[in-house]
Protein backbone atom coordinates (compact mmCIF):
# COMPACT_ATOMS: atom_id res chain seq x y z
CA UNK A 1 -8.00 -8.53 -9.32
CA UNK A 2 -4.51 -7.47 -10.66
CA UNK A 3 -2.78 -8.86 -13.85
CA UNK A 4 0.81 -7.40 -15.09
CA UNK A 5 1.99 -9.08 -18.62
CA UNK A 6 5.20 -8.69 -19.73
CA UNK A 7 4.79 -5.50 -18.02
CA UNK A 8 8.90 -3.61 -18.56
CA UNK A 9 10.04 -0.43 -16.80
CA UNK A 10 12.91 1.87 -17.03
CA UNK A 11 14.46 4.96 -15.29
CA UNK A 12 16.77 6.35 -18.21
CA UNK A 13 19.02 3.69 -19.28
CA UNK A 14 18.60 1.90 -15.70
CA UNK A 15 15.71 -1.18 -16.24
CA UNK A 16 14.19 -1.73 -13.00
CA UNK A 17 11.23 -4.39 -14.28
CA UNK A 18 12.11 -6.96 -16.81
CA UNK A 19 9.38 -8.36 -18.54
CA UNK A 20 7.53 -9.40 -15.71
CA UNK A 21 4.27 -11.42 -15.21
CA UNK A 22 1.76 -12.09 -12.63
CA UNK A 23 -1.96 -12.03 -11.83
CA UNK A 24 -3.43 -11.87 -8.28
CA UNK A 25 -6.92 -12.61 -7.37
CA UNK A 26 -9.22 -11.05 -5.77
CA UNK A 27 -10.00 -11.33 -1.94
CA UNK A 28 -6.16 -13.22 -1.70
CA UNK A 29 -3.21 -11.60 0.56
CA UNK A 30 0.03 -11.55 -0.95
CA UNK A 31 3.89 -10.51 -0.01
CA UNK A 32 5.83 -8.83 -2.21
CA UNK A 33 10.09 -9.42 -1.26
CA UNK A 34 13.24 -8.22 -2.57
CA UNK A 35 16.70 -6.34 -2.39
CA UNK A 36 17.48 -3.16 -2.16
CA UNK A 37 16.06 -1.17 -5.47
CA UNK A 38 14.33 -4.13 -6.79
CA UNK A 39 11.75 -3.11 -7.95
CA UNK A 40 8.92 -3.77 -5.30
CA UNK A 41 7.60 -0.03 -4.90
CA UNK A 42 7.83 0.39 -8.58
CA UNK A 43 5.10 -2.14 -9.22
CA UNK A 44 3.10 -0.34 -6.59
CA UNK A 45 3.53 3.15 -8.42
CA UNK A 46 2.44 0.98 -11.82
CA UNK A 47 -0.63 -0.23 -10.08
CA UNK A 48 -2.13 3.21 -8.69
CA UNK A 49 -0.89 5.07 -12.33
CA UNK A 50 1.37 6.97 -10.68
CA UNK A 51 4.16 5.62 -13.77
CA UNK A 52 3.00 4.08 -17.03
CA UNK A 53 5.34 0.87 -18.02
CA UNK A 54 7.74 1.33 -21.12
CA UNK A 55 6.30 -1.87 -22.11
CA UNK A 56 3.49 -4.70 -21.40
CA UNK A 57 0.07 -4.61 -20.36
CA UNK A 58 -1.04 -3.78 -16.23
CA UNK A 59 -4.89 -4.21 -15.28
CA UNK A 60 -7.20 -3.68 -12.26
CA UNK A 61 -10.75 -5.63 -12.80
CA UNK A 62 -11.91 -4.10 -15.90
CA UNK A 63 -9.47 -1.02 -15.76
CA UNK A 64 -6.97 -0.69 -18.27
CA UNK A 65 -4.40 0.90 -16.40
CA UNK A 66 -2.20 1.69 -19.06
CA UNK A 67 -4.63 3.12 -21.24
CA UNK A 68 -6.65 4.62 -18.33
CA UNK A 69 -7.19 8.52 -19.90
CA UNK A 70 -6.31 11.19 -17.04
CA UNK A 71 -9.79 11.90 -15.85
CA UNK A 72 -10.44 8.04 -14.58
CA UNK A 73 -7.05 8.18 -12.32
CA UNK A 74 -9.01 9.45 -9.20
CA UNK A 75 -11.66 6.74 -9.21
CA UNK A 76 -8.60 4.38 -9.74
CA UNK A 77 -7.44 5.41 -6.77
CA UNK A 78 -10.37 5.32 -4.65
CA UNK A 79 -9.94 1.64 -5.25
CA UNK A 80 -6.61 1.21 -4.37
CA UNK A 81 -5.71 2.01 -0.66
CA UNK A 82 -2.46 2.65 -0.05
CA UNK A 83 -0.24 2.27 3.21
CA UNK A 84 2.78 4.11 2.59
CA UNK A 85 6.29 3.60 3.70
CA UNK A 86 7.30 7.30 5.11
CA UNK A 87 3.01 6.99 5.78
CA UNK A 88 2.52 11.01 4.84
CA UNK A 89 1.13 11.97 7.84
CA UNK A 90 0.43 15.45 8.40
CA UNK A 91 2.06 16.33 11.63
CA UNK A 92 -0.58 19.36 12.43
CA UNK A 93 -3.51 17.67 12.06
CA UNK A 94 -4.93 14.89 14.65
CA UNK A 95 -5.70 11.29 14.23
CA UNK A 96 -9.01 11.57 13.00
CA UNK A 97 -8.54 14.79 10.85
CA UNK A 98 -5.50 12.98 9.07
CA UNK A 99 -8.47 10.13 8.27
CA UNK A 100 -11.35 12.67 7.31
CA UNK A 101 -9.03 14.38 5.13
CA UNK A 102 -9.27 12.31 1.82
CA UNK A 103 -12.86 12.37 2.39
CA UNK A 104 -13.58 15.98 2.84
CA UNK A 105 -11.24 16.36 -0.25
CA UNK A 106 -13.40 14.54 -2.49
CA UNK A 107 -16.67 16.41 -1.18
CA UNK A 108 -17.92 14.46 1.61
CA UNK A 109 -19.33 16.69 4.29
CA UNK A 110 -17.60 17.25 7.42
CA UNK A 111 -19.76 15.69 9.21
CA UNK A 112 -20.50 11.90 7.32
CA UNK A 113 -16.66 12.44 7.18
CA UNK A 114 -16.30 12.27 10.98
CA UNK A 115 -18.40 9.87 11.21
CA UNK A 116 -16.73 7.45 8.77
CA UNK A 117 -13.29 8.53 10.21
CA UNK A 118 -14.74 7.57 13.27
CA UNK A 119 -15.81 4.08 12.63
CA UNK A 120 -12.85 3.05 10.42
CA UNK A 121 -10.38 4.25 13.62
CA UNK A 122 -12.51 2.11 15.89
CA UNK A 123 -12.09 -0.85 13.48
CA UNK A 124 -8.46 -0.81 13.54
CA UNK A 125 -8.05 0.19 17.04
CA UNK A 126 -7.51 3.59 18.03
CA UNK A 127 -10.94 4.50 19.65
CA UNK A 128 -9.32 6.38 22.42
CA UNK A 129 -6.69 8.06 19.90
CA UNK A 130 -8.97 10.34 17.74
CA UNK A 131 -7.67 13.76 19.26
CA UNK A 132 -4.15 12.80 19.41
CA UNK A 133 -1.65 14.06 17.10
CA UNK A 134 0.71 11.73 15.16
CA UNK A 135 3.70 12.42 17.48
CA UNK A 136 1.43 11.69 20.22
CA UNK A 137 1.11 8.32 19.08
CA UNK A 138 3.28 5.35 19.06
CA UNK A 139 5.16 3.42 16.07
CA UNK A 140 2.40 0.99 15.58
CA UNK A 141 -0.44 3.53 16.59
CA UNK A 142 0.71 5.94 13.46
CA UNK A 143 0.63 2.56 11.03
CA UNK A 144 -2.73 2.17 12.58
CA UNK A 145 -3.85 5.56 11.43
CA UNK A 146 -2.27 5.18 8.12
CA UNK A 147 -4.03 2.14 7.40
CA UNK A 148 -7.54 3.67 8.62
CA UNK A 149 -6.90 6.65 5.75
CA UNK A 150 -6.57 3.69 3.42
CA UNK A 151 -9.28 2.10 4.10
CA UNK A 152 -11.98 5.62 4.02
CA UNK A 153 -13.15 4.51 0.20
CA UNK A 154 -13.92 0.73 1.13
CA UNK A 155 -11.07 -0.02 -1.17
CA UNK A 156 -11.50 -3.20 -3.40
CA UNK A 157 -7.25 -3.47 -3.09
CA UNK A 158 -4.99 -2.64 0.07
CA UNK A 159 -1.14 -1.84 -0.96
CA UNK A 160 0.82 -2.04 1.90
CA UNK A 161 4.67 -0.40 1.13
CA UNK A 162 6.82 -1.83 4.10
CA UNK A 163 4.22 -1.34 6.51
CA UNK A 164 6.24 -2.90 9.53
CA UNK A 165 9.61 -1.86 8.45
CA UNK A 166 10.22 0.67 11.74
CA UNK A 167 8.61 -1.85 13.82
CA UNK A 168 9.33 -4.20 16.71
CA UNK A 169 8.54 -7.88 16.41
CA UNK A 170 5.04 -8.00 17.80
CA UNK A 171 4.29 -4.81 16.66
CA UNK A 172 4.80 -5.84 12.99
CA UNK A 173 2.94 -9.32 14.05
CA UNK A 174 -0.36 -6.90 15.19
CA UNK A 175 0.06 -4.96 12.14
CA UNK A 176 0.00 -7.84 9.85
CA UNK A 177 -2.79 -9.41 11.46
CA UNK A 178 -4.80 -6.57 11.22
CA UNK A 179 -4.27 -6.50 7.63
CA UNK A 180 -5.04 -10.02 7.91
CA UNK A 181 -8.45 -9.23 9.26
CA UNK A 182 -9.11 -6.93 6.56
CA UNK A 183 -8.16 -8.95 4.16
CA UNK A 184 -10.59 -11.57 5.49
CA UNK A 185 -13.50 -9.08 5.01
CA UNK A 186 -12.86 -8.99 1.32
CA UNK A 187 -9.98 -6.28 0.55
CA UNK A 188 -7.53 -7.88 -1.90
CA UNK A 189 -4.07 -6.90 0.27
CA UNK A 190 -0.47 -6.72 -1.69
CA UNK A 191 2.13 -5.95 0.83
CA UNK A 192 6.09 -5.24 0.44
CA UNK A 193 7.75 -6.60 3.12
CA UNK A 194 11.48 -7.24 4.58
CA UNK A 195 10.68 -9.13 7.21
CA UNK A 196 11.32 -12.92 7.35
CA UNK A 197 9.85 -13.77 10.18
CA UNK A 198 6.27 -12.40 9.10
CA UNK A 199 6.80 -14.61 5.74
CA UNK A 200 8.09 -17.62 7.96
CA UNK A 201 5.16 -17.48 9.79
CA UNK A 202 2.19 -16.79 7.35
CA UNK A 203 0.76 -19.23 4.99
CA UNK A 204 -0.17 -16.58 2.25
CA UNK A 205 1.87 -16.44 -1.45
CA UNK A 206 4.93 -15.07 -1.50
CA UNK A 207 6.69 -12.93 -4.68
CA UNK A 208 10.51 -12.62 -4.87
CA UNK A 209 12.27 -9.79 -7.05
CA UNK A 210 15.67 -9.66 -7.87
CA UNK A 211 16.99 -7.52 -10.35
CA UNK A 212 13.61 -6.74 -11.70
CA UNK A 213 12.50 -10.40 -12.45
CA UNK A 214 10.52 -12.31 -10.08
CA UNK A 215 12.75 -15.24 -9.21
CA UNK A 216 10.32 -16.99 -7.09
CA UNK A 217 6.20 -17.36 -6.30
CA UNK A 218 4.74 -19.39 -3.92
CA UNK A 219 5.21 -19.76 -0.24
CA UNK A 220 8.26 -20.32 0.82
CA UNK A 221 9.82 -23.41 3.43
CA UNK A 222 13.18 -21.48 4.01
CA UNK A 223 14.04 -17.99 5.12
CA UNK A 224 15.72 -15.41 2.75
CA UNK A 225 18.59 -13.17 3.52
CA UNK A 226 17.08 -9.85 1.73
CA UNK A 227 17.91 -6.52 2.39
CA UNK A 228 14.87 -5.67 0.52
CA UNK A 229 14.48 -1.47 2.23
CA UNK A 230 14.66 0.29 -0.98
CA UNK A 231 16.21 3.66 -1.52
CA UNK A 232 14.97 6.55 -4.08
CA UNK A 233 11.74 4.68 -4.83
CA UNK A 234 8.87 6.04 -2.61
CA UNK A 235 5.41 6.07 -3.38
CA UNK A 236 3.92 9.65 -4.40
CA UNK A 237 1.99 12.26 -2.09
CA UNK A 238 -1.65 12.00 -3.08
CA UNK A 239 -3.68 14.71 -4.65
CA UNK A 240 -5.37 15.49 -1.69
CA UNK A 241 -2.20 15.48 0.64
CA UNK A 242 -0.73 17.68 -2.20
CA UNK A 243 -2.93 20.31 -2.12
CA UNK A 244 -3.08 20.39 1.62
CA UNK A 245 1.04 20.75 1.57
CA UNK A 246 0.75 23.16 -0.81
CA UNK A 247 -1.60 25.71 1.11
């Protein structure tokens, strides 16, 4: 499903990724760990073609992401649902409206968008929160809204960037359980996290980055003491959200 071959990425003179190689099979669940500025979010940005590598090859299914024409990027981003680290929910819209928005901006009729959004919100356990605003729901519920929004186009891949970063332990495990249930329905899930307890509990594959290189790619038997919250390396607002902010 996802292949990185000798991928390097620089920001100016700084090398963020240094000839990394990995592949992720369709339908798998993979964790991505690493200390601050190790390149986790850069990998996600490359997958959604917000960035292009300086060298190397990246593919998603049959799509060559390095050579992908700009007019095909919207198609790519329907195949890849993103749960942003800072959620990027619109505070002046209800939970239901937040999930409907990508559909509406893609030309889906309002009634159809509403029906689809309601179905997904029920799926993620928010059937009683349709008309609440983001500030009226808990942190875990906000994450569920963000996950629901990522699911609206039935994507092949879910990228979850630190989805449990600001949550308590119990809520964190609930969010991972939700992502695992989505994975069992067929979606490939690639999740960045610094939560060692989640890693220890899971049987899933773990890729660990350090200084732009992959230092481990397995299911670790011991915990790793890593400060993995990246600064200044966040995923972009989608074109749909940009239109909303500009309006």
